[in-house]
Amino acid sequence: MARTPLITVALVIFTTAVAGCSSAGNDRIAHQTTQSVSAHLVRGETTQTQVRALYGDPIKVSFTSGGNQVWEYEFTKMHATASDFIPFENLFRSDAKGRRKSLVIYFNKQNIVENYAFSSSSVKVHQGLTP
């Protein structure tokens, strides 16, 4: 009989460790701020090669109608909320909250940074049968 509570506690600790946190995207922008990005990216000076060395390969590359490249970087880190660890409630709903960072860089025809935008915002995800 004494083993059942011990096994239950071990299972809860394991589940908490596994399901407690998740991340997706380019981890090179995970710790960036508006100030650090501004220090690295200088409009009219920073090249594509330098950007790739700083942040790696973009998650998305697109082109403007004029043929200029736009590179996009994204990183999201989510944490499970306390309600996910309530027995039986987590069978019907799941909540997570976290932070999403996005960096979009616009290059001119000479592959030099012409403009960029960095954002960091709070995000919340809710899944399940209950609102």
C-alpha atoms as a PDB file:
ATOM      1  CA  MET A   1       0.000   0.000   0.000  1.00  0.00           C
ATOM      2  CA  ALA A   2       2.809   2.460   0.779  1.00  0.00           C
ATOM      3  CA  ARG A   3       4.157   2.192  -2.781  1.00  0.00           C
ATOM      4  CA  THR A   4       1.031   3.626  -4.417  1.00  0.00           C
ATOM      5  CA  PRO A   5       1.431   7.184  -3.020  1.00  0.00           C
ATOM      6  CA  LEU A   6       5.145   7.111  -3.833  1.00  0.00           C
ATOM      7  CA  ILE A   7       4.468   6.069  -7.431  1.00  0.00           C
ATOM      8  CA  THR A   8       1.777   8.763  -7.732  1.00  0.00           C
ATOM      9  CA  VAL A   9       4.132  11.467  -6.451  1.00  0.00           C
ATOM     10  CA  ALA A  10       6.873  10.319  -8.835  1.00  0.00           C
ATOM     11  CA  LEU A  11       4.436  10.379 -11.752  1.00  0.00           C
ATOM     12  CA  VAL A  12       3.266  13.909 -10.888  1.00  0.00           C
ATOM     13  CA  ILE A  13       6.858  15.162 -10.633  1.00  0.00           C
ATOM     14  CA  PHE A  14       7.751  13.558 -13.976  1.00  0.00           C
ATOM     15  CA  THR A  15       4.658  14.998 -15.690  1.00  0.00           C
ATOM     16  CA  THR A  16       5.384  18.456 -14.283  1.00  0.00           C
ATOM     17  CA  ALA A  17       8.971  18.359 -15.510  1.00  0.00           C
ATOM     18  CA  VAL A  18       8.009  17.174 -18.993  1.00  0.00           C
ATOM     19  CA  ALA A  19       4.945  19.367 -19.553  1.00  0.00           C
ATOM     20  CA  GLY A  20       6.038  22.491 -17.713  1.00  0.00           C
ATOM     21  CA  CYS A  21       7.692  24.423 -20.532  1.00  0.00           C
ATOM     22  CA  SER A  22       8.079  24.417 -24.286  1.00  0.00           C
ATOM     23  CA  SER A  23       9.720  26.633 -26.875  1.00  0.00           C
ATOM     24  CA  ALA A  24       9.769  26.928 -30.637  1.00  0.00           C
ATOM     25  CA  GLY A  25      11.657  28.971 -33.176  1.00  0.00           C
ATOM     26  CA  ASN A  26      15.092  30.502 -33.435  1.00  0.00           C
ATOM     27  CA  ASP A  27      16.665  30.505 -29.977  1.00  0.00           C
ATOM     28  CA  ARG A  28      19.208  33.139 -31.046  1.00  0.00           C
ATOM     29  CA  ILE A  29      16.540  35.808 -30.590  1.00  0.00           C
ATOM     30  CA  ALA A  30      15.240  34.309 -27.329  1.00  0.00           C
ATOM     31  CA  HIS A  31      17.138  36.769 -25.138  1.00  0.00           C
ATOM     32  CA  GLN A  32      17.127  39.734 -27.507  1.00  0.00           C
ATOM     33  CA  THR A  33      15.565  43.052 -26.571  1.00  0.00           C
ATOM     34  CA  THR A  34      14.768  46.152 -28.592  1.00  0.00           C
ATOM     35  CA  GLN A  35      18.015  47.667 -27.305  1.00  0.00           C
ATOM     36  CA  SER A  36      20.226  44.674 -28.156  1.00  0.00           C
ATOM     37  CA  VAL A  37      18.755  44.379 -31.656  1.00  0.00           C
ATOM     38  CA  SER A  38      19.290  48.119 -32.213  1.00  0.00           C
ATOM     39  CA  ALA A  39      22.915  47.717 -31.128  1.00  0.00           C
ATOM     40  CA  HIS A  40      23.479  44.912 -33.662  1.00  0.00           C
ATOM     41  CA  LEU A  41      21.478  46.135 -36.659  1.00  0.00           C
ATOM     42  CA  VAL A  42      22.510  49.463 -38.148  1.00  0.00           C
ATOM     43  CA  ARG A  43      20.339  50.708 -41.000  1.00  0.00           C
ATOM     44  CA  GLY A  44      22.428  51.300 -44.113  1.00  0.00           C
ATOM     45  CA  GLU A  45      25.450  49.383 -42.738  1.00  0.00           C
ATOM     46  CA  THR A  46      24.699  45.835 -41.511  1.00  0.00           C
ATOM     47  CA  THR A  47      24.951  43.197 -44.261  1.00  0.00           C
ATOM     48  CA  GLN A  48      23.018  39.971 -44.792  1.00  0.00           C
ATOM     49  CA  THR A  49      26.180  38.029 -43.959  1.00  0.00           C
ATOM     50  CA  GLN A  50      26.460  39.834 -40.614  1.00  0.00           C
ATOM     51  CA  VAL A  51      22.769  39.247 -39.864  1.00  0.00           C
ATOM     52  CA  ARG A  52      23.151  35.523 -40.608  1.00  0.00           C
ATOM     53  CA  ALA A  53      26.201  35.386 -38.297  1.00  0.00           C
ATOM     54  CA  LEU A  54      24.209  37.085 -35.523  1.00  0.00           C
ATOM     55  CA  TYR A  55      20.859  35.310 -35.796  1.00  0.00           C
ATOM     56  CA  GLY A  56      21.377  32.295 -38.052  1.00  0.00           C
ATOM     57  CA  ASP A  57      19.064  31.350 -40.883  1.00  0.00           C
ATOM     58  CA  PRO A  58      15.679  33.084 -40.947  1.00  0.00           C
ATOM     59  CA  ILE A  59      12.505  31.086 -40.396  1.00  0.00           C
ATOM     60  CA  LYS A  60      10.981  32.739 -43.458  1.00  0.00           C
ATOM     61  CA  VAL A  61      12.307  34.627 -46.486  1.00  0.00           C
ATOM     62  CA  SER A  62      10.019  36.629 -48.735  1.00  0.00           C
ATOM     63  CA  PHE A  63      10.416  39.241 -51.449  1.00  0.00           C
ATOM     64  CA  THR A  64       8.842  42.629 -51.985  1.00  0.00           C
ATOM     65  CA  SER A  65       7.305  43.556 -55.329  1.00  0.00           C
ATOM     66  CA  GLY A  66      10.594  45.330 -56.097  1.00  0.00           C
ATOM     67  CA  GLY A  67      12.615  42.167 -55.449  1.00  0.00           C
ATOM     68  CA  ASN A  68      14.094  43.147 -52.073  1.00  0.00           C
ATOM     69  CA  GLN A  69      14.457  40.387 -49.481  1.00  0.00           C
ATOM     70  CA  VAL A  70      12.602  40.292 -46.168  1.00  0.00           C
ATOM     71  CA  TRP A  71      13.883  37.910 -43.484  1.00  0.00           C
ATOM     72  CA  GLU A  72      11.759  36.850 -40.520  1.00  0.00           C
ATOM     73  CA  TYR A  73      12.845  35.359 -37.204  1.00  0.00           C
ATOM     74  CA  GLU A  74      10.537  34.119 -34.471  1.00  0.00           C
ATOM     75  CA  PHE A  75      10.840  32.574 -31.024  1.00  0.00           C
ATOM     76  CA  THR A  76       8.091  31.533 -28.611  1.00  0.00           C
ATOM     77  CA  LYS A  77       8.466  30.170 -25.098  1.00  0.00           C
ATOM     78  CA  MET A  78       5.405  28.864 -23.258  1.00  0.00           C
ATOM     79  CA  HIS A  79       4.860  27.746 -19.664  1.00  0.00           C
ATOM     80  CA  ALA A  80       1.999  25.624 -18.392  1.00  0.00           C
ATOM     81  CA  THR A  81      -0.294  27.409 -15.960  1.00  0.00           C
ATOM     82  CA  ALA A  82      -1.130  26.179 -12.475  1.00  0.00           C
ATOM     83  CA  SER A  83      -4.509  24.807 -13.612  1.00  0.00           C
ATOM     84  CA  ASP A  84      -2.686  22.219 -15.735  1.00  0.00           C
ATOM     85  CA  PHE A  85      -1.519  20.512 -12.571  1.00  0.00           C
ATOM     86  CA  ILE A  86      -4.941  20.174 -10.924  1.00  0.00           C
ATOM     87  CA  PRO A  87      -5.954  16.501 -11.029  1.00  0.00           C
ATOM     88  CA  PHE A  88      -8.843  15.749 -13.410  1.00  0.00           C
ATOM     89  CA  GLU A  89      -9.227  19.395 -14.492  1.00  0.00           C
ATOM     90  CA  ASN A  90      -6.249  18.978 -16.790  1.00  0.00           C
ATOM     91  CA  LEU A  91      -8.141  16.210 -18.587  1.00  0.00           C
ATOM     92  CA  PHE A  92     -10.643  18.787 -19.877  1.00  0.00           C
ATOM     93  CA  ARG A  93      -8.563  21.915 -20.388  1.00  0.00           C
ATOM     94  CA  SER A  94      -5.022  23.074 -20.855  1.00  0.00           C
ATOM     95  CA  ASP A  95      -3.651  26.601 -20.531  1.00  0.00           C
ATOM     96  CA  ALA A  96      -0.241  28.003 -21.306  1.00  0.00           C
ATOM     97  CA  LYS A  97       1.183  31.481 -21.303  1.00  0.00           C
ATOM     98  CA  GLY A  98       4.463  32.882 -22.434  1.00  0.00           C
ATOM     99  CA  ARG A  99       6.294  35.299 -24.675  1.00  0.00           C
ATOM    100  CA  ARG A 100       6.676  35.553 -28.452  1.00  0.00           C
ATOM    101  CA  LYS A 101       9.522  37.490 -30.041  1.00  0.00           C
ATOM    102  CA  SER A 102       9.602  38.455 -33.685  1.00  0.00           C
ATOM    103  CA  LEU A 103      12.278  40.108 -35.804  1.00  0.00           C
ATOM    104  CA  VAL A 104      11.606  41.187 -39.399  1.00  0.00           C
ATOM    105  CA  ILE A 105      14.467  42.603 -41.467  1.00  0.00           C
ATOM    106  CA  TYR A 106      14.100  44.394 -44.805  1.00  0.00           C
ATOM    107  CA  PHE A 107      17.168  44.457 -47.063  1.00  0.00           C
ATOM    108  CA  ASN A 108      17.866  46.804 -49.977  1.00  0.00           C
ATOM    109  CA  LYS A 109      19.162  45.675 -53.382  1.00  0.00           C
ATOM    110  CA  GLN A 110      22.755  45.688 -52.078  1.00  0.00           C
ATOM    111  CA  ASN A 111      21.750  43.215 -49.306  1.00  0.00           C
ATOM    112  CA  ILE A 112      22.190  45.866 -46.603  1.00  0.00           C
ATOM    113  CA  VAL A 113      19.663  46.337 -43.785  1.00  0.00           C
ATOM    114  CA  GLU A 114      17.312  49.107 -44.804  1.00  0.00           C
ATOM    115  CA  ASN A 115      14.787  48.685 -42.013  1.00  0.00           C
ATOM    116  CA  TYR A 116      13.761  46.234 -39.293  1.00  0.00           C
ATOM    117  CA  ALA A 117      11.125  45.669 -36.640  1.00  0.00           C
ATOM    118  CA  PHE A 118      11.473  43.769 -33.375  1.00  0.00           C
ATOM    119  CA  SER A 119       8.549  42.933 -31.119  1.00  0.00           C
ATOM    120  CA  SER A 120       8.060  41.036 -27.897  1.00  0.00           C
ATOM    121  CA  SER A 121       4.545  40.254 -26.726  1.00  0.00           C
ATOM    122  CA  SER A 122       2.714  38.150 -24.183  1.00  0.00           C
ATOM    123  CA  VAL A 123       0.753  35.198 -25.533  1.00  0.00           C
ATOM    124  CA  LYS A 124      -1.780  32.858 -23.988  1.00  0.00           C
ATOM    125  CA  VAL A 125      -3.088  29.574 -25.373  1.00  0.00           C
ATOM    126  CA  HIS A 126      -6.194  27.781 -24.143  1.00  0.00           C
ATOM    127  CA  GLN A 127      -7.274  24.318 -25.304  1.00  0.00           C
ATOM    128  CA  GLY A 128      -9.986  22.040 -24.091  1.00  0.00           C
ATOM    129  CA  LEU A 129     -13.662  21.539 -23.466  1.00  0.00           C
ATOM    130  CA  THR A 130     -14.172  24.272 -20.884  1.00  0.00           C
ATOM    131  CA  PRO A 131     -13.818  28.028 -21.533  1.00  0.00           C
END
